[in-house]
Amino acid sequence: MSTGIRLLPKEWQRGTVVNREDAAELNELLNSIMVRARKVVNSMVDGKTDAR
C-alpha cells in the first residue's frame, strides 16, 4: 500500500519518521492512514461491508 510519502533510510527509524522538519506532521498522517487501514481490516474480519 503506497502512502505517497518518500523518505531516505536515515529519515525512518523504528516505525517513525525522524530527522525532518515535517516529521511530526508525517507521523500524524501515517498514523491516520494506519488507523483507517486497521478499521477496514477489522470490518472485513467482522463481516461488515462499510468501514468508514
PDB file of N, CA and C in Angstrom:
ATOM      1  N   MET A   1       0.848  -1.170   0.000  1.00  0.00           N
ATOM      2  CA  MET A   1       0.000   0.000   0.000  1.00  0.00           C
ATOM      3  C   MET A   1       0.897   1.238   0.000  1.00  0.00           C
ATOM      4  N   SER A   2       0.713   2.083  -0.962  1.00  0.00           N
ATOM      5  CA  SER A   2       1.529   3.294  -1.060  1.00  0.00           C
ATOM      6  C   SER A   2       0.890   4.438  -0.284  1.00  0.00           C
ATOM      7  N   THR A   3       1.729   5.189   0.420  1.00  0.00           N
ATOM      8  CA  THR A   3       1.255   6.368   1.145  1.00  0.00           C
ATOM      9  C   THR A   3       1.571   7.650   0.390  1.00  0.00           C
ATOM     10  N   GLY A   4       2.429   7.556  -0.612  1.00  0.00           N
ATOM     11  CA  GLY A   4       2.857   8.731  -1.344  1.00  0.00           C
ATOM     12  C   GLY A   4       3.962   9.508  -0.641  1.00  0.00           C
ATOM     13  N   ILE A   5       4.421   9.006   0.492  1.00  0.00           N
ATOM     14  CA  ILE A   5       5.476   9.668   1.254  1.00  0.00           C
ATOM     15  C   ILE A   5       6.808   9.029   0.890  1.00  0.00           C
ATOM     16  N   ARG A   6       7.764   9.856   0.537  1.00  0.00           N
ATOM     17  CA  ARG A   6       9.094   9.357   0.181  1.00  0.00           C
ATOM     18  C   ARG A   6      10.093   9.791   1.242  1.00  0.00           C
ATOM     19  N   LEU A   7      10.848   8.824   1.725  1.00  0.00           N
ATOM     20  CA  LEU A   7      11.835   9.082   2.770  1.00  0.00           C
ATOM     21  C   LEU A   7      13.168   8.463   2.406  1.00  0.00           C
ATOM     22  N   LEU A   8      14.207   9.021   2.948  1.00  0.00           N
ATOM     23  CA  LEU A   8      15.527   8.411   2.867  1.00  0.00           C
ATOM     24  C   LEU A   8      15.653   7.431   4.031  1.00  0.00           C
ATOM     25  N   PRO A   9      16.507   6.425   3.918  1.00  0.00           N
ATOM     26  CA  PRO A   9      16.667   5.472   5.029  1.00  0.00           C
ATOM     27  C   PRO A   9      16.984   6.146   6.364  1.00  0.00           C
ATOM     28  N   LYS A  10      17.760   7.218   6.342  1.00  0.00           N
ATOM     29  CA  LYS A  10      18.114   7.904   7.586  1.00  0.00           C
ATOM     30  C   LYS A  10      16.938   8.673   8.189  1.00  0.00           C
ATOM     31  N   GLU A  11      15.832   8.795   7.435  1.00  0.00           N
ATOM     32  CA  GLU A  11      14.655   9.509   7.918  1.00  0.00           C
ATOM     33  C   GLU A  11      13.591   8.571   8.491  1.00  0.00           C
ATOM     34  N   TRP A  12      13.881   7.288   8.557  1.00  0.00           N
ATOM     35  CA  TRP A  12      12.936   6.283   9.050  1.00  0.00           C
ATOM     36  C   TRP A  12      13.622   5.481  10.142  1.00  0.00           C
ATOM     37  N   GLN A  13      13.046   5.481  11.337  1.00  0.00           N
ATOM     38  CA  GLN A  13      13.665   4.779  12.457  1.00  0.00           C
ATOM     39  C   GLN A  13      12.583   4.208  13.359  1.00  0.00           C
ATOM     40  N   ARG A  14      12.635   2.903  13.562  1.00  0.00           N
ATOM     41  CA  ARG A  14      11.698   2.205  14.451  1.00  0.00           C
ATOM     42  C   ARG A  14      10.230   2.542  14.171  1.00  0.00           C
ATOM     43  N   GLY A  15       9.887   2.605  12.892  1.00  0.00           N
ATOM     44  CA  GLY A  15       8.497   2.812  12.506  1.00  0.00           C
ATOM     45  C   GLY A  15       8.023   4.249  12.547  1.00  0.00           C
ATOM     46  N   THR A  16       8.930   5.206  12.661  1.00  0.00           N
ATOM     47  CA  THR A  16       8.532   6.609  12.643  1.00  0.00           C
ATOM     48  C   THR A  16       9.482   7.430  11.777  1.00  0.00           C
ATOM     49  N   VAL A  17       8.962   8.561  11.326  1.00  0.00           N
ATOM     50  CA  VAL A  17       9.767   9.496  10.546  1.00  0.00           C
ATOM     51  C   VAL A  17      10.586  10.335  11.517  1.00  0.00           C
ATOM     52  N   VAL A  18      11.874  10.487  11.227  1.00  0.00           N
ATOM     53  CA  VAL A  18      12.790  11.270  12.060  1.00  0.00           C
ATOM     54  C   VAL A  18      13.685  12.126  11.168  1.00  0.00           C
ATOM     55  N   ASN A  19      14.391  13.043  11.776  1.00  0.00           N
ATOM     56  CA  ASN A  19      15.396  13.851  11.087  1.00  0.00           C
ATOM     57  C   ASN A  19      14.837  14.672   9.927  1.00  0.00           C
ATOM     58  N   ARG A  20      13.599  15.144  10.079  1.00  0.00           N
ATOM     59  CA  ARG A  20      12.977  16.018   9.077  1.00  0.00           C
ATOM     60  C   ARG A  20      12.180  17.082   9.808  1.00  0.00           C
ATOM     61  N   GLU A  21      12.110  18.263   9.226  1.00  0.00           N
ATOM     62  CA  GLU A  21      11.329  19.328   9.839  1.00  0.00           C
ATOM     63  C   GLU A  21       9.846  18.982   9.912  1.00  0.00           C
ATOM     64  N   ASP A  22       9.363  18.204   8.947  1.00  0.00           N
ATOM     65  CA  ASP A  22       7.949  17.838   8.904  1.00  0.00           C
ATOM     66  C   ASP A  22       7.678  16.446   9.480  1.00  0.00           C
ATOM     67  N   ALA A  23       8.582  15.931  10.299  1.00  0.00           N
ATOM     68  CA  ALA A  23       8.445  14.571  10.851  1.00  0.00           C
ATOM     69  C   ALA A  23       7.155  14.407  11.646  1.00  0.00           C
ATOM     70  N   ALA A  24       6.825  15.364  12.494  1.00  0.00           N
ATOM     71  CA  ALA A  24       5.614  15.242  13.318  1.00  0.00           C
ATOM     72  C   ALA A  24       4.368  15.187  12.438  1.00  0.00           C
ATOM     73  N   GLU A  25       4.319  16.028  11.429  1.00  0.00           N
ATOM     74  CA  GLU A  25       3.174  16.040  10.507  1.00  0.00           C
ATOM     75  C   GLU A  25       3.074  14.723   9.740  1.00  0.00           C
ATOM     76  N   LEU A  26       4.204  14.225   9.253  1.00  0.00           N
ATOM     77  CA  LEU A  26       4.196  12.969   8.503  1.00  0.00           C
ATOM     78  C   LEU A  26       3.812  11.794   9.400  1.00  0.00           C
ATOM     79  N   ASN A  27       4.304  11.774  10.634  1.00  0.00           N
ATOM     80  CA  ASN A  27       3.945  10.699  11.554  1.00  0.00           C
ATOM     81  C   ASN A  27       2.447  10.719  11.861  1.00  0.00           C
ATOM     82  N   GLU A  28       1.885  11.908  11.986  1.00  0.00           N
ATOM     83  CA  GLU A  28       0.443  12.028  12.216  1.00  0.00           C
ATOM     84  C   GLU A  28      -0.341  11.504  11.014  1.00  0.00           C
ATOM     85  N   LEU A  29       0.108  11.855   9.820  1.00  0.00           N
ATOM     86  CA  LEU A  29      -0.538  11.383   8.599  1.00  0.00           C
ATOM     87  C   LEU A  29      -0.442   9.859   8.494  1.00  0.00           C
ATOM     88  N   LEU A  30       0.745   9.320   8.735  1.00  0.00           N
ATOM     89  CA  LEU A  30       0.921   7.869   8.673  1.00  0.00           C
ATOM     90  C   LEU A  30       0.069   7.162   9.717  1.00  0.00           C
ATOM     91  N   ASN A  31      -0.039   7.745  10.896  1.00  0.00           N
ATOM     92  CA  ASN A  31      -0.868   7.152  11.936  1.00  0.00           C
ATOM     93  C   ASN A  31      -2.334   7.125  11.509  1.00  0.00           C
ATOM     94  N   SER A  32      -2.818   8.200  10.913  1.00  0.00           N
ATOM     95  CA  SER A  32      -4.220   8.214  10.486  1.00  0.00           C
ATOM     96  C   SER A  32      -4.471   7.203   9.366  1.00  0.00           C
ATOM     97  N   ILE A  33      -3.506   7.033   8.477  1.00  0.00           N
ATOM     98  CA  ILE A  33      -3.633   6.019   7.421  1.00  0.00           C
ATOM     99  C   ILE A  33      -3.704   4.632   8.045  1.00  0.00           C
ATOM    100  N   MET A  34      -2.855   4.372   9.034  1.00  0.00           N
ATOM    101  CA  MET A  34      -2.860   3.063   9.702  1.00  0.00           C
ATOM    102  C   MET A  34      -4.173   2.812  10.440  1.00  0.00           C
ATOM    103  N   VAL A  35      -4.713   3.831  11.092  1.00  0.00           N
ATOM    104  CA  VAL A  35      -5.990   3.677  11.800  1.00  0.00           C
ATOM    105  C   VAL A  35      -7.089   3.305  10.812  1.00  0.00           C
ATOM    106  N   ARG A  36      -7.145   4.012   9.683  1.00  0.00           N
ATOM    107  CA  ARG A  36      -8.167   3.699   8.669  1.00  0.00           C
ATOM    108  C   ARG A  36      -7.981   2.296   8.105  1.00  0.00           C
ATOM    109  N   ALA A  37      -6.731   1.903   7.846  1.00  0.00           N
ATOM    110  CA  ALA A  37      -6.463   0.568   7.312  1.00  0.00           C
ATOM    111  C   ALA A  37      -6.879  -0.510   8.312  1.00  0.00           C
ATOM    112  N   ARG A  38      -6.588  -0.283   9.589  1.00  0.00           N
ATOM    113  CA  ARG A  38      -6.988  -1.260  10.611  1.00  0.00           C
ATOM    114  C   ARG A  38      -8.503  -1.380  10.701  1.00  0.00           C
ATOM    115  N   LYS A  39      -9.214  -0.249  10.570  1.00  0.00           N
ATOM    116  CA  LYS A  39     -10.679  -0.285  10.595  1.00  0.00           C
ATOM    117  C   LYS A  39     -11.220  -1.128   9.448  1.00  0.00           C
ATOM    118  N   VAL A  40     -10.638  -0.956   8.267  1.00  0.00           N
ATOM    119  CA  VAL A  40     -11.068  -1.731   7.106  1.00  0.00           C
ATOM    120  C   VAL A  40     -10.824  -3.220   7.343  1.00  0.00           C
ATOM    121  N   VAL A  41      -9.635  -3.559   7.791  1.00  0.00           N
ATOM    122  CA  VAL A  41      -9.306  -4.965   8.044  1.00  0.00           C
ATOM    123  C   VAL A  41     -10.217  -5.540   9.121  1.00  0.00           C
ATOM    124  N   ASN A  42     -10.414  -4.804  10.204  1.00  0.00           N
ATOM    125  CA  ASN A  42     -11.284  -5.299  11.277  1.00  0.00           C
ATOM    126  C   ASN A  42     -12.713  -5.483  10.797  1.00  0.00           C
ATOM    127  N   SER A  43     -13.205  -4.572   9.970  1.00  0.00           N
ATOM    128  CA  SER A  43     -14.568  -4.723   9.465  1.00  0.00           C
ATOM    129  C   SER A  43     -14.674  -5.927   8.536  1.00  0.00           C
ATOM    130  N   MET A  44     -13.617  -6.201   7.787  1.00  0.00           N
ATOM    131  CA  MET A  44     -13.619  -7.380   6.923  1.00  0.00           C
ATOM    132  C   MET A  44     -13.641  -8.650   7.770  1.00  0.00           C
ATOM    133  N   VAL A  45     -12.895  -8.660   8.834  1.00  0.00           N
ATOM    134  CA  VAL A  45     -12.866  -9.819   9.728  1.00  0.00           C
ATOM    135  C   VAL A  45     -14.231 -10.018  10.380  1.00  0.00           C
ATOM    136  N   ASP A  46     -14.877  -8.903  10.738  1.00  0.00           N
ATOM    137  CA  ASP A  46     -16.192  -8.960  11.391  1.00  0.00           C
ATOM    138  C   ASP A  46     -17.330  -9.209  10.404  1.00  0.00           C
ATOM    139  N   GLY A  47     -17.043  -9.166   9.113  1.00  0.00           N
ATOM    140  CA  GLY A  47     -18.047  -9.422   8.096  1.00  0.00           C
ATOM    141  C   GLY A  47     -18.854  -8.207   7.704  1.00  0.00           C
ATOM    142  N   LYS A  48     -18.422  -7.022   8.081  1.00  0.00           N
ATOM    143  CA  LYS A  48     -19.120  -5.797   7.706  1.00  0.00           C
ATOM    144  C   LYS A  48     -18.633  -5.358   6.324  1.00  0.00           C
ATOM    145  N   THR A  49     -19.453  -4.551   5.633  1.00  0.00           N
ATOM    146  CA  THR A  49     -19.071  -4.137   4.288  1.00  0.00           C
ATOM    147  C   THR A  49     -18.572  -2.701   4.231  1.00  0.00           C
ATOM    148  N   ASP A  50     -19.002  -1.820   5.144  1.00  0.00           N
ATOM    149  CA  ASP A  50     -18.598  -0.418   5.088  1.00  0.00           C
ATOM    150  C   ASP A  50     -17.789  -0.069   6.338  1.00  0.00           C
ATOM    151  N   ALA A  51     -16.503   0.275   6.147  1.00  0.00           N
ATOM    152  CA  ALA A  51     -15.610   0.513   7.293  1.00  0.00           C
ATOM    153  C   ALA A  51     -15.373   1.985   7.567  1.00  0.00           C
ATOM    154  N   ARG A  52     -16.021   2.871   6.844  1.00  0.00           N
ATOM    155  CA  ARG A  52     -15.775   4.294   7.055  1.00  0.00           C
ATOM    156  C   ARG A  52     -16.443   4.731   8.311  1.00  0.00           C
TER     157      ARG A  52
END
